Amino acid sequence: MGDIYSAKPWLKFYDPHVPEHLTYDDKSYARLFIEAAELLPGRAAVIYMGRTITFGQLDRLSNQFARFLKDRGLKPGDTVGVNLPNIPAYYIAIAGIMKAGCVLSGVSPLLSAKELEYQLNDSGAKVLVTLDLLFGKAAEVVAGTPVKTVLVAGIADFLPPVKKFLGTLLKKIPTGEVHPIGGVLVSRYLDALSPISDDRVEEKIDPGAAALMQYTGGTTGPPKGALLTHKNLTHHIAQIKVWMQLVVGRDKVLSAFPLFHQAGLFIGMMSMALGITQVAIPNPRDIDFIIKAIDKEKPNGIVNVPTIFLELLKRPGFRALDFSTVVWFVSGAAPFPPEYIGEFESVVGKGKLVEVVGMTETTPVLTSLPRFGTKKAGSVGIPYPDTDVRLVDPETRKPAPQGEPGELVARGPQVFTLGYHNKPEETAHTLRDGWIYTGDVCTMDEDGYFYVVDRLKDMVNVSGFKVFTRTVDDALMEHPDIDMAATIGLPDPNKPGSEIVATAIVLKQGIEKTEAQRNKIIDYMKGKVAPYKVPKRVDFMDVLPTSAVGKILKRELRKEMAGK
């Protein structure tokens, strides 16, 4: 294809240790994990609130989990839903599900009972692993789903004995009631596993078979389950291992991404396959816990969503930490505001921040800033080895000129090929001739570095003019009185078919929500952006709606502001 993208200008910015093409082993994910566990049985796999679980222990416990699934009649290809925070039971379930050849479907603890019922029915899950605190929702709906087995874990499971005893006695560890459900086997997680043999389990499966069914929301319709194969996982692990120069059995990683989110799940699975120690963060919103964990465990890699990094930056305790052992910080799931990058790196170290972009359907990363080389503020980097990326006009699908915005489309070993579970129309819309149409609007500079400017669904149409909300948000975030800002489009009551630019703002502490303050911000924006991009409506809020990983949910904000 004779265009600027096929020329791959980004290749000259690859770090010297990164080749254009890699050699991949076609193995199942379970095989990678087993090899790591056999090589490093005594190495810490998971550090959970003072308790260390070694790779050898994780291997044996996951054998028991796999045997439990087989004893319950599950066969390769059957789905298991995991409805847990980042606790040891989740890591054990990951390896056990993969060893049994089953398909893991992460289930968000934030789902309502109705949403939980939909996902269990849509995925066809036969087993649900949940938390005692969440058991009430599961008990309400599982009878109307294919689930015939519910395993119930607790936050105190696997804690050190003294901490478990005191936490339970003093009621500092929250628990929930568990009761029988007609027609469904209900068992405590540890009780179910303890009598089962921990002899090796490893089903022989095709690396092209589904390993994960991860649900992702769309602009319309119910969530859809993206099917990711063992090959997607193992090949993507190979890409990131080379890119980040990870060494088997050396690294320690801390991530507040929840495991039910694809980014968190992949970080967990990659770490388990490479002998990397993981510091478990059960509650991603507990900023003080994260700071203490960084101080105590001294990871050499930290992965978070930008809003978590920005919350950390506000805390004197974070700024006072010794970051000499942390050699990289990866930020993803949303753009890191460029105006804060300098401040962040002044605290953690110059050149340590690595921004990435991707989505559930790409396992999840497509492009990344180089680990060591040129980093451009505001850029989400350059494509991984064996990954083709281009920008196209959303209407004509022709390549967008260099520097002009277009929809990001890509193909590579990490891009899903099986599509969405039982949704052929959604699959056909997203996957076209081997390319995934991401819905991200980006630009590419002359060096092949990509910049996210918006989501297609978030672009605002002001009388035919396209407004990229990221541009407005970035300008607002430079205002000294603004802590957080998110811009959306709302129907223009005076111009049918057109929209107005509307912004929700969280002011910094001590700044009053007055009409004078609102006018001050609007006047400021008149000097920063074109007139049609200036917000016509500014709402002050105490907090913005965010996902479990801290990503601002513009679809929820749109509903909230439209209802006012």
Protein backbone atom coordinates (compact mmCIF):
# COMPACT_ATOMS: atom_id res chain seq x y z
CA MET A 1 0.00 0.00 0.00
CA GLY A 2 1.79 3.11 -1.19
CA ASP A 3 1.02 5.66 1.51
CA ILE A 4 2.81 7.31 4.43
CA TYR A 5 1.74 4.54 6.80
CA SER A 6 3.16 1.67 4.76
CA ALA A 7 6.50 3.52 4.81
CA LYS A 8 6.53 3.03 8.61
CA PRO A 9 8.43 6.19 9.56
CA TRP A 10 8.30 5.06 13.20
CA LEU A 11 10.82 2.27 12.67
CA LYS A 12 13.77 4.66 12.93
CA PHE A 13 12.62 5.53 16.46
CA TYR A 14 12.61 1.94 17.74
CA ASP A 15 15.02 1.37 20.61
CA PRO A 16 18.16 -0.45 19.38
CA HIS A 17 17.12 -3.70 21.08
CA VAL A 18 13.72 -3.79 19.32
CA PRO A 19 13.52 -5.45 15.85
CA GLU A 20 10.83 -4.78 13.26
CA HIS A 21 9.72 -8.42 13.37
CA LEU A 22 9.72 -10.99 16.17
CA THR A 23 9.74 -14.78 16.26
CA TYR A 24 6.79 -16.25 18.16
CA ASP A 25 6.23 -19.63 19.79
CA ASP A 26 2.75 -21.02 19.20
CA LYS A 27 2.03 -22.15 22.74
CA SER A 28 -1.00 -22.02 24.93
CA TYR A 29 -0.99 -19.49 27.73
CA ALA A 30 -1.05 -22.31 30.27
CA ARG A 31 2.22 -23.66 28.86
CA LEU A 32 3.92 -20.28 29.36
CA PHE A 33 2.75 -20.08 32.96
CA ILE A 34 3.77 -23.66 33.74
CA GLU A 35 7.25 -23.04 32.32
CA ALA A 36 7.67 -19.95 34.51
CA ALA A 37 6.41 -21.77 37.61
CA GLU A 38 8.73 -24.73 37.04
CA LEU A 39 11.69 -22.42 36.47
CA LEU A 40 11.01 -20.16 39.49
CA PRO A 41 9.02 -22.16 42.08
CA GLY A 42 10.36 -20.19 45.04
CA ARG A 43 9.95 -16.72 43.55
CA ALA A 44 7.13 -14.48 44.80
CA ALA A 45 4.28 -14.46 42.29
CA VAL A 46 1.77 -12.36 44.23
CA ILE A 47 2.27 -10.14 47.27
CA TYR A 48 -1.10 -9.59 48.93
CA MET A 49 -1.35 -7.42 52.03
CA GLY A 50 1.69 -8.97 53.68
CA ARG A 51 1.23 -12.50 52.34
CA THR A 52 3.53 -13.87 49.65
CA ILE A 53 2.33 -16.59 47.28
CA THR A 54 5.17 -18.18 45.34
CA PHE A 55 5.03 -19.39 41.76
CA GLY A 56 5.20 -22.96 43.02
CA GLN A 57 2.24 -22.40 45.33
CA LEU A 58 0.28 -20.63 42.61
CA ASP A 59 1.01 -23.52 40.25
CA ARG A 60 -0.28 -26.11 42.72
CA LEU A 61 -3.36 -24.12 43.75
CA SER A 62 -4.26 -23.54 40.10
CA ASN A 63 -3.95 -27.29 39.45
CA GLN A 64 -6.56 -27.79 42.17
CA PHE A 65 -8.77 -25.14 40.60
CA ALA A 66 -8.45 -26.75 37.17
CA ARG A 67 -9.35 -30.17 38.62
CA PHE A 68 -12.35 -28.62 40.36
CA LEU A 69 -13.62 -27.33 37.02
CA LYS A 70 -13.13 -30.71 35.39
CA ASP A 71 -14.87 -32.46 38.29
CA ARG A 72 -17.83 -30.13 37.78
CA GLY A 73 -18.06 -31.34 34.18
CA LEU A 74 -16.50 -28.37 32.41
CA LYS A 75 -14.75 -29.09 29.14
CA PRO A 76 -12.30 -27.05 27.02
CA GLY A 77 -14.12 -24.05 25.57
CA ASP A 78 -16.60 -23.72 28.45
CA THR A 79 -16.79 -20.29 30.10
CA VAL A 80 -16.00 -19.38 33.70
CA GLY A 81 -17.02 -15.97 35.04
CA VAL A 82 -14.72 -14.36 37.61
CA ASN A 83 -16.37 -11.62 39.67
CA LEU A 84 -13.58 -10.59 42.05
CA PRO A 85 -11.28 -7.70 42.96
CA ASN A 86 -7.50 -8.17 42.83
CA ILE A 87 -7.15 -10.89 45.46
CA PRO A 88 -5.20 -14.19 45.29
CA ALA A 89 -8.30 -16.17 44.32
CA TYR A 90 -8.35 -14.29 40.99
CA TYR A 91 -4.74 -15.12 40.09
CA ILE A 92 -5.32 -18.78 40.98
CA ALA A 93 -8.48 -18.83 38.87
CA ILE A 94 -6.66 -17.35 35.87
CA ALA A 95 -4.07 -20.11 35.74
CA GLY A 96 -6.57 -22.83 36.61
CA ILE A 97 -9.04 -21.80 33.90
CA MET A 98 -6.25 -21.72 31.31
CA LYS A 99 -4.94 -25.15 32.38
CA ALA A 100 -8.43 -26.63 32.04
CA GLY A 101 -8.71 -25.16 28.54
CA CYS A 102 -11.72 -23.09 29.57
CA VAL A 103 -12.48 -19.47 28.70
CA LEU A 104 -12.17 -16.77 31.34
CA SER A 105 -14.70 -13.95 31.39
CA GLY A 106 -13.92 -11.10 33.77
CA VAL A 107 -17.06 -9.83 35.49
CA SER A 108 -16.95 -6.35 37.00
CA PRO A 109 -17.93 -6.16 40.69
CA LEU A 110 -19.64 -2.87 39.82
CA LEU A 111 -22.31 -4.52 37.64
CA SER A 112 -25.92 -4.36 38.77
CA ALA A 113 -27.79 -7.63 39.25
CA LYS A 114 -29.47 -7.14 35.87
CA GLU A 115 -26.13 -6.48 34.14
CA LEU A 116 -24.61 -9.51 35.84
CA GLU A 117 -27.46 -11.70 34.65
CA TYR A 118 -27.01 -10.44 31.08
CA GLN A 119 -23.30 -11.23 30.99
CA LEU A 120 -23.70 -14.68 32.52
CA ASN A 121 -26.39 -15.55 30.00
CA ASP A 122 -24.61 -14.03 27.02
CA SER A 123 -21.29 -15.72 27.85
CA GLY A 124 -22.92 -19.04 28.75
CA ALA A 125 -20.81 -19.21 31.92
CA LYS A 126 -21.23 -22.50 33.79
CA VAL A 127 -19.22 -21.50 36.86
CA LEU A 128 -19.11 -18.15 38.65
CA VAL A 129 -16.35 -17.22 41.07
CA THR A 130 -17.48 -14.31 43.22
CA LEU A 131 -16.77 -12.48 46.47
CA ASP A 132 -18.84 -12.97 49.60
CA LEU A 133 -19.55 -9.22 49.57
CA LEU A 134 -21.03 -9.61 46.07
CA PHE A 135 -22.85 -12.87 46.72
CA GLY A 136 -26.26 -11.21 47.15
CA LYS A 137 -26.33 -10.05 43.51
CA ALA A 138 -25.21 -13.44 42.26
CA ALA A 139 -27.80 -15.25 44.36
CA GLU A 140 -30.49 -12.98 42.93
CA VAL A 141 -29.86 -13.92 39.30
CA VAL A 142 -27.92 -17.18 38.82
CA ALA A 143 -31.00 -19.38 38.81
CA GLY A 144 -31.95 -17.78 35.51
CA THR A 145 -28.53 -18.39 33.93
CA PRO A 146 -26.47 -21.43 32.84
CA VAL A 147 -24.39 -21.14 36.05
CA LYS A 148 -24.59 -24.34 38.10
CA THR A 149 -21.64 -23.70 40.41
CA VAL A 150 -20.79 -20.64 42.50
CA LEU A 151 -17.45 -20.45 44.29
CA VAL A 152 -17.30 -17.76 46.96
CA ALA A 153 -13.98 -16.18 47.97
CA GLY A 154 -13.31 -13.74 50.79
CA ILE A 155 -10.96 -10.81 51.16
CA ALA A 156 -9.40 -12.52 54.21
CA ASP A 157 -8.58 -15.69 52.25
CA PHE A 158 -4.79 -16.09 52.04
CA LEU A 159 -4.07 -13.30 54.52
CA PRO A 160 -1.36 -13.96 57.13
CA PRO A 161 -2.99 -15.79 60.10
CA VAL A 162 -2.55 -12.95 62.61
CA LYS A 163 -3.84 -10.31 60.20
CA LYS A 164 -6.77 -12.54 59.24
CA PHE A 165 -7.68 -13.23 62.89
CA LEU A 166 -7.45 -9.64 64.05
CA GLY A 167 -9.13 -8.27 60.96
CA THR A 168 -12.08 -10.62 61.38
CA LEU A 169 -12.28 -10.13 65.15
CA LEU A 170 -12.20 -6.34 64.93
CA LYS A 171 -14.50 -6.36 61.87
CA LYS A 172 -11.96 -4.43 59.78
CA ILE A 173 -12.25 -6.96 56.97
CA PRO A 174 -15.67 -6.70 55.30
CA THR A 175 -17.51 -9.97 54.68
CA GLY A 176 -20.86 -11.00 53.28
CA GLU A 177 -23.36 -13.73 54.04
CA VAL A 178 -23.43 -16.85 51.87
CA HIS A 179 -26.44 -19.15 51.63
CA PRO A 180 -27.65 -22.06 49.49
CA ILE A 181 -29.20 -21.47 46.05
CA GLY A 182 -31.66 -24.03 44.75
CA GLY A 183 -30.26 -26.11 41.91
CA VAL A 184 -26.79 -24.54 42.22
CA LEU A 185 -23.71 -25.81 44.05
CA VAL A 186 -22.47 -23.05 46.38
CA SER A 187 -19.10 -23.53 48.03
CA ARG A 188 -16.45 -21.48 49.76
CA TYR A 189 -13.39 -21.11 47.53
CA LEU A 190 -10.85 -22.60 49.93
CA ASP A 191 -13.19 -25.36 51.08
CA ALA A 192 -13.76 -26.44 47.49
CA LEU A 193 -10.05 -26.59 46.61
CA SER A 194 -8.53 -28.05 49.79
CA PRO A 195 -9.48 -31.74 49.26
CA ILE A 196 -8.50 -31.79 45.56
CA SER A 197 -5.22 -33.19 44.22
CA ASP A 198 -2.67 -30.63 43.07
CA ASP A 199 -1.15 -32.92 40.43
CA ARG A 200 -0.41 -31.24 37.11
CA VAL A 201 -3.34 -30.35 34.83
CA GLU A 202 -2.79 -29.13 31.28
CA GLU A 203 -5.35 -29.67 28.57
CA LYS A 204 -3.93 -29.83 25.06
CA ILE A 205 -5.59 -27.04 23.12
CA ASP A 206 -5.12 -25.16 19.88
CA PRO A 207 -3.29 -21.83 20.49
CA GLY A 208 -5.87 -20.31 18.16
CA ALA A 209 -8.69 -21.23 20.56
CA ALA A 210 -10.40 -18.65 22.74
CA ALA A 211 -8.80 -18.00 26.13
CA LEU A 212 -10.68 -14.86 27.21
CA MET A 213 -14.14 -13.42 26.69
CA GLN A 214 -13.79 -9.85 27.91
CA TYR A 215 -16.84 -7.61 27.84
CA THR A 216 -16.64 -4.13 26.45
CA GLY A 217 -19.34 -1.51 26.11
CA GLY A 218 -20.38 -0.01 22.80
CA THR A 219 -21.95 3.27 21.84
CA THR A 220 -25.27 1.49 21.38
CA GLY A 221 -26.68 -1.83 22.48
CA PRO A 222 -25.58 -4.13 25.30
CA PRO A 223 -21.92 -4.96 26.11
CA LYS A 224 -20.23 -7.49 23.86
CA GLY A 225 -17.74 -10.23 24.68
CA ALA A 226 -14.47 -9.84 22.78
CA LEU A 227 -12.85 -13.24 22.20
CA LEU A 228 -9.07 -13.25 22.63
CA THR A 229 -7.07 -16.36 21.80
CA HIS A 230 -4.11 -17.99 23.51
CA LYS A 231 -2.07 -16.87 20.52
CA ASN A 232 -3.20 -13.24 21.01
CA LEU A 233 -1.97 -13.43 24.60
CA THR A 234 1.32 -15.25 24.11
CA HIS A 235 2.33 -13.20 21.06
CA HIS A 236 1.45 -9.93 22.81
CA ILE A 237 3.48 -11.00 25.83
CA ALA A 238 6.43 -11.53 23.47
CA GLN A 239 5.95 -8.04 22.02
CA ILE A 240 5.90 -6.29 25.38
CA LYS A 241 8.71 -8.42 26.81
CA VAL A 242 11.00 -7.16 24.05
CA TRP A 243 9.69 -3.58 23.98
CA MET A 244 10.00 -3.02 27.74
CA GLN A 245 13.14 -5.17 27.99
CA LEU A 246 11.58 -7.40 30.64
CA VAL A 247 13.70 -10.22 32.03
CA VAL A 248 12.14 -13.49 33.20
CA GLY A 249 12.32 -13.73 36.98
CA ARG A 250 13.70 -10.23 37.57
CA ASP A 251 10.92 -7.65 37.63
CA LYS A 252 8.34 -6.57 40.21
CA VAL A 253 5.21 -4.73 39.05
CA LEU A 254 2.48 -2.79 40.84
CA SER A 255 -0.76 -2.00 39.05
CA ALA A 256 -4.06 -0.62 40.31
CA PHE A 257 -5.86 -1.76 37.15
CA PRO A 258 -8.52 -4.27 38.25
CA LEU A 259 -8.13 -7.78 36.89
CA PHE A 260 -11.65 -7.78 35.42
CA HIS A 261 -10.49 -4.97 33.09
CA GLN A 262 -8.50 -6.19 30.07
CA ALA A 263 -5.50 -3.99 30.89
CA GLY A 264 -5.33 -5.34 34.44
CA LEU A 265 -5.93 -8.92 33.33
CA PHE A 266 -3.20 -8.76 30.73
CA ILE A 267 -0.72 -7.23 33.18
CA GLY A 268 -1.53 -10.06 35.57
CA MET A 269 -1.26 -12.78 32.95
CA MET A 270 1.92 -11.37 31.42
CA SER A 271 3.54 -11.19 34.83
CA MET A 272 2.56 -14.77 35.65
CA ALA A 273 4.02 -15.96 32.33
CA LEU A 274 7.32 -14.09 32.77
CA GLY A 275 8.05 -14.84 36.41
CA ILE A 276 7.31 -11.23 37.40
CA THR A 277 6.28 -10.53 41.00
CA GLN A 278 2.96 -8.67 41.29
CA VAL A 279 1.93 -6.40 44.14
CA ALA A 280 -1.84 -6.88 44.41
CA ILE A 281 -3.97 -3.74 44.85
CA PRO A 282 -7.46 -4.89 45.97
CA ASN A 283 -9.01 -1.40 45.84
CA PRO A 284 -7.73 0.90 43.06
CA ARG A 285 -9.35 3.91 44.71
CA ASP A 286 -7.40 3.51 47.96
CA ILE A 287 -4.63 5.97 47.09
CA ASP A 288 -3.01 5.79 50.54
CA PHE A 289 -2.75 1.99 50.25
CA ILE A 290 -1.05 2.33 46.86
CA ILE A 291 1.47 4.81 48.28
CA LYS A 292 2.27 2.50 51.20
CA ALA A 293 2.62 -0.48 48.85
CA ILE A 294 5.06 1.42 46.61
CA ASP A 295 7.09 2.44 49.65
CA LYS A 296 7.20 -1.05 51.16
CA GLU A 297 7.51 -3.27 48.08
CA LYS A 298 9.63 -1.00 45.88
CA PRO A 299 8.41 -2.22 42.47
CA ASN A 300 10.51 -1.43 39.43
CA GLY A 301 7.44 -0.94 37.21
CA ILE A 302 4.10 0.78 37.93
CA VAL A 303 1.05 0.71 35.64
CA ASN A 304 -2.02 2.91 36.12
CA VAL A 305 -4.66 4.99 34.40
CA PRO A 306 -3.77 8.74 34.25
CA THR A 307 -6.37 9.77 36.83
CA ILE A 308 -4.73 7.48 39.41
CA PHE A 309 -1.30 8.97 38.64
CA LEU A 310 -2.76 12.48 38.98
CA GLU A 311 -4.39 11.59 42.31
CA LEU A 312 -1.07 10.20 43.52
CA LEU A 313 0.64 13.40 42.42
CA LYS A 314 -1.60 15.40 44.78
CA ARG A 315 -0.37 13.46 47.82
CA PRO A 316 2.73 14.67 49.71
CA GLY A 317 3.36 11.04 50.68
CA PHE A 318 3.74 10.06 47.03
CA ARG A 319 6.03 12.98 46.26
CA ALA A 320 8.25 12.01 49.20
CA LEU A 321 8.82 8.44 48.00
CA ASP A 322 12.18 7.19 46.79
CA PHE A 323 11.66 6.37 43.09
CA SER A 324 15.21 5.25 42.38
CA THR A 325 14.10 1.62 42.08
CA VAL A 326 11.15 2.40 39.76
CA VAL A 327 12.51 2.48 36.22
CA TRP A 328 9.25 2.84 34.28
CA PHE A 329 5.66 3.99 34.67
CA VAL A 330 3.12 2.88 32.06
CA SER A 331 -0.03 4.96 31.57
CA GLY A 332 -2.97 3.77 29.51
CA ALA A 333 -6.78 3.58 29.01
CA ALA A 334 -6.96 7.37 28.61
CA PRO A 335 -4.60 10.16 27.51
CA PHE A 336 -2.22 11.55 30.14
CA PRO A 337 -2.77 15.35 30.19
CA PRO A 338 0.42 16.74 28.55
CA GLU A 339 0.52 19.72 30.91
CA TYR A 340 1.10 17.37 33.87
CA ILE A 341 3.81 15.19 32.32
CA GLY A 342 6.64 17.54 33.27
CA GLU A 343 5.44 17.81 36.84
CA PHE A 344 4.97 14.05 37.12
CA GLU A 345 8.45 13.28 35.80
CA SER A 346 9.97 15.94 38.06
CA VAL A 347 8.76 13.75 40.92
CA VAL A 348 9.39 10.22 39.59
CA GLY A 349 12.29 10.80 37.21
CA LYS A 350 12.82 12.13 33.70
CA GLY A 351 11.93 9.84 30.81
CA LYS A 352 10.25 7.19 32.94
CA LEU A 353 6.65 7.70 31.71
CA VAL A 354 5.60 5.42 28.86
CA GLU A 355 2.17 6.13 27.37
CA VAL A 356 0.32 3.44 25.44
CA VAL A 357 -2.94 3.15 23.52
CA GLY A 358 -5.13 0.17 22.74
CA MET A 359 -8.41 -1.49 23.57
CA THR A 360 -9.86 -4.74 24.87
CA GLU A 361 -9.96 -6.15 21.34
CA THR A 362 -6.19 -5.63 20.91
CA THR A 363 -5.18 -7.60 24.03
CA PRO A 364 -4.76 -4.54 24.75
CA VAL A 365 -1.85 -2.43 23.36
CA LEU A 366 -1.22 -1.21 19.80
CA THR A 367 1.22 1.67 20.18
CA SER A 368 3.64 2.74 22.88
CA LEU A 369 6.28 5.33 23.54
CA PRO A 370 9.75 3.77 23.36
CA ARG A 371 11.07 2.40 26.63
CA PHE A 372 14.32 4.37 26.34
CA GLY A 373 14.17 6.50 23.19
CA THR A 374 12.42 9.67 22.08
CA LYS A 375 9.31 10.47 24.10
CA LYS A 376 7.01 13.20 22.87
CA ALA A 377 4.63 14.82 25.34
CA GLY A 378 1.02 14.04 24.47
CA SER A 379 1.90 11.18 22.13
CA VAL A 380 0.81 7.59 22.67
CA GLY A 381 3.87 6.46 20.76
CA ILE A 382 4.60 4.21 17.83
CA PRO A 383 3.37 0.75 16.76
CA TYR A 384 4.78 -2.44 18.23
CA PRO A 385 6.76 -4.89 16.05
CA ASP A 386 4.60 -6.73 13.49
CA THR A 387 1.82 -4.17 14.02
CA ASP A 388 0.52 -2.19 11.04
CA VAL A 389 -1.28 1.04 11.88
CA ARG A 390 -2.85 3.69 9.69
CA LEU A 391 -5.35 6.51 9.94
CA VAL A 392 -8.36 6.63 7.65
CA ASP A 393 -11.18 9.01 6.89
CA PRO A 394 -14.16 7.62 8.85
CA GLU A 395 -16.48 8.12 5.87
CA THR A 396 -14.37 7.23 2.83
CA ARG A 397 -11.91 4.90 4.63
CA LYS A 398 -9.13 6.39 2.52
CA PRO A 399 -5.78 7.10 4.26
CA ALA A 400 -5.76 10.42 6.08
CA PRO A 401 -2.91 12.78 5.06
CA GLN A 402 -0.01 13.03 7.47
CA GLY A 403 -0.90 15.45 10.26
CA GLU A 404 -4.64 15.23 9.59
CA PRO A 405 -7.01 13.39 11.98
CA GLY A 406 -8.37 9.99 11.05
CA GLU A 407 -9.70 6.83 12.63
CA LEU A 408 -6.99 4.52 13.93
CA VAL A 409 -7.11 1.11 12.24
CA ALA A 410 -4.62 -1.68 12.86
CA ARG A 411 -3.68 -5.28 12.37
CA GLY A 412 -1.16 -7.44 14.20
CA PRO A 413 -0.77 -10.58 16.31
CA GLN A 414 -2.47 -8.92 19.29
CA VAL A 415 -5.62 -7.97 17.34
CA PHE A 416 -8.54 -10.30 17.99
CA THR A 417 -9.57 -12.55 15.10
CA LEU A 418 -12.53 -14.45 16.54
CA GLY A 419 -14.59 -11.29 16.95
CA TYR A 420 -17.40 -10.80 19.43
CA HIS A 421 -19.19 -13.76 20.98
CA ASN A 422 -22.48 -14.39 19.16
CA LYS A 423 -22.46 -10.91 17.56
CA PRO A 424 -21.58 -11.28 13.87
CA GLU A 425 -22.86 -7.82 12.89
CA GLU A 426 -20.77 -6.11 15.58
CA THR A 427 -17.78 -8.18 14.48
CA ALA A 428 -18.24 -7.23 10.82
CA HIS A 429 -18.45 -3.56 11.76
CA THR A 430 -15.21 -3.65 13.80
CA LEU A 431 -13.11 -6.19 11.84
CA ARG A 432 -12.74 -5.51 8.13
CA ASP A 433 -10.29 -7.40 5.94
CA GLY A 434 -8.15 -8.23 8.95
CA TRP A 435 -8.04 -4.64 10.19
CA ILE A 436 -9.63 -3.48 13.43
CA TYR A 437 -11.43 -0.14 13.33
CA THR A 438 -10.79 1.22 16.80
CA GLY A 439 -13.06 4.25 16.94
CA ASP A 440 -10.11 6.36 18.14
CA VAL A 441 -9.44 9.55 16.19
CA CYS A 442 -5.71 10.26 16.02
CA THR A 443 -3.10 12.23 14.15
CA MET A 444 0.39 11.08 13.13
CA ASP A 445 3.40 13.38 12.92
CA GLU A 446 6.25 13.17 10.41
CA ASP A 447 8.16 10.75 12.67
CA GLY A 448 5.31 8.25 12.90
CA TYR A 449 4.28 9.18 16.44
CA PHE A 450 0.53 8.97 17.09
CA TYR A 451 -1.63 11.36 19.11
CA VAL A 452 -5.18 10.64 20.30
CA VAL A 453 -7.49 13.57 19.66
CA ASP A 454 -10.86 11.99 20.46
CA ARG A 455 -13.18 9.04 20.22
CA LEU A 456 -15.41 9.05 17.15
CA LYS A 457 -18.43 8.82 19.42
CA ASP A 458 -17.24 11.85 21.45
CA MET A 459 -16.69 14.25 18.54
CA VAL A 460 -19.06 17.23 18.66
CA ASN A 461 -20.78 18.50 15.51
CA VAL A 462 -21.24 22.27 15.80
CA SER A 463 -23.12 23.38 12.68
CA GLY A 464 -20.98 21.10 10.54
CA PHE A 465 -17.69 21.91 12.30
CA LYS A 466 -16.00 18.97 14.04
CA VAL A 467 -14.87 19.64 17.59
CA PHE A 468 -12.45 17.17 19.13
CA THR A 469 -13.24 17.17 22.84
CA ARG A 470 -9.69 16.19 23.80
CA THR A 471 -8.50 19.55 22.41
CA VAL A 472 -11.00 21.41 24.58
CA ASP A 473 -10.19 19.28 27.64
CA ASP A 474 -6.45 19.87 27.29
CA ALA A 475 -6.96 23.64 27.06
CA LEU A 476 -9.23 23.62 30.13
CA MET A 477 -6.76 21.57 32.16
CA GLU A 478 -4.19 24.35 31.73
CA HIS A 479 -6.43 26.75 33.67
CA PRO A 480 -5.03 27.27 37.20
CA ASP A 481 -8.44 26.92 38.90
CA ILE A 482 -9.44 23.62 37.25
CA ASP A 483 -8.70 20.22 38.75
CA MET A 484 -10.54 18.02 36.21
CA ALA A 485 -12.52 18.73 33.05
CA ALA A 486 -14.50 16.68 30.55
CA THR A 487 -16.21 17.96 27.41
CA ILE A 488 -19.16 16.44 25.56
CA GLY A 489 -21.68 17.39 22.89
CA LEU A 490 -25.35 18.03 23.67
CA PRO A 491 -28.18 18.69 21.21
CA ASP A 492 -28.52 22.36 20.29
CA PRO A 493 -32.15 23.31 21.07
CA ASN A 494 -31.99 26.16 18.56
CA LYS A 495 -30.42 24.21 15.68
CA PRO A 496 -31.84 20.74 15.00
CA GLY A 497 -29.10 18.35 13.92
CA SER A 498 -26.39 20.45 15.52
CA GLU A 499 -24.76 20.27 18.95
CA ILE A 500 -23.30 22.60 21.53
CA VAL A 501 -20.01 22.14 23.35
CA ALA A 502 -20.70 21.41 27.02
CA THR A 503 -18.13 20.97 29.75
CA ALA A 504 -18.19 19.55 33.27
CA ILE A 505 -15.54 20.94 35.59
CA VAL A 506 -14.20 20.03 39.02
CA LEU A 507 -12.59 23.11 40.53
CA LYS A 508 -9.50 23.00 42.70
CA GLN A 509 -9.97 23.07 46.44
CA GLY A 510 -10.89 26.54 47.71
CA ILE A 511 -12.25 27.84 44.39
CA GLU A 512 -15.93 28.78 44.63
CA LYS A 513 -18.55 27.68 42.11
CA THR A 514 -19.84 31.09 41.08
CA GLU A 515 -21.21 32.64 37.93
CA ALA A 516 -18.17 34.92 37.90
CA GLN A 517 -15.92 31.86 37.94
CA ARG A 518 -17.89 30.33 35.06
CA ASN A 519 -17.54 33.51 32.98
CA LYS A 520 -13.84 33.65 33.83
CA ILE A 521 -13.33 30.15 32.40
CA ILE A 522 -15.36 30.93 29.26
CA ASP A 523 -13.37 34.13 28.66
CA TYR A 524 -10.16 32.17 29.14
CA MET A 525 -11.25 29.61 26.55
CA LYS A 526 -12.02 32.35 24.01
CA GLY A 527 -8.31 33.03 23.96
CA LYS A 528 -7.33 29.36 23.65
CA VAL A 529 -9.59 27.82 20.99
CA ALA A 530 -11.68 28.77 17.96
CA PRO A 531 -15.05 30.40 18.77
CA TYR A 532 -17.12 27.33 17.84
CA LYS A 533 -15.03 25.22 20.27
CA VAL A 534 -15.67 27.47 23.28
CA PRO A 535 -18.05 25.71 25.72
CA LYS A 536 -21.54 27.13 25.58
CA ARG A 537 -22.39 25.39 28.82
CA VAL A 538 -20.14 24.94 31.87
CA ASP A 539 -21.37 22.81 34.79
CA PHE A 540 -19.47 22.68 38.07
CA MET A 541 -19.40 19.25 39.70
CA ASP A 542 -17.87 17.80 42.84
CA VAL A 543 -16.74 14.66 41.00
CA LEU A 544 -16.86 13.34 37.44
CA PRO A 545 -18.28 9.88 36.70
CA THR A 546 -15.44 7.39 36.35
CA SER A 547 -15.02 3.71 35.62
CA ALA A 548 -13.50 1.19 38.00
CA VAL A 549 -10.05 2.08 36.68
CA GLY A 550 -10.58 5.83 37.06
CA LYS A 551 -11.31 6.62 33.41
CA ILE A 552 -13.80 9.46 32.92
CA LEU A 553 -17.03 8.06 31.51
CA LYS A 554 -18.27 10.60 29.00
CA ARG A 555 -21.30 8.51 28.12
CA GLU A 556 -22.45 8.74 31.77
CA LEU A 557 -21.62 12.42 31.87
CA ARG A 558 -23.69 12.93 28.72
CA LYS A 559 -26.69 11.28 30.38
CA GLU A 560 -26.23 13.30 33.55
CA MET A 561 -25.92 16.66 31.82
CA ALA A 562 -28.71 15.92 29.35
CA GLY A 563 -31.03 15.24 32.28
CA LYS A 564 -30.50 18.66 33.83
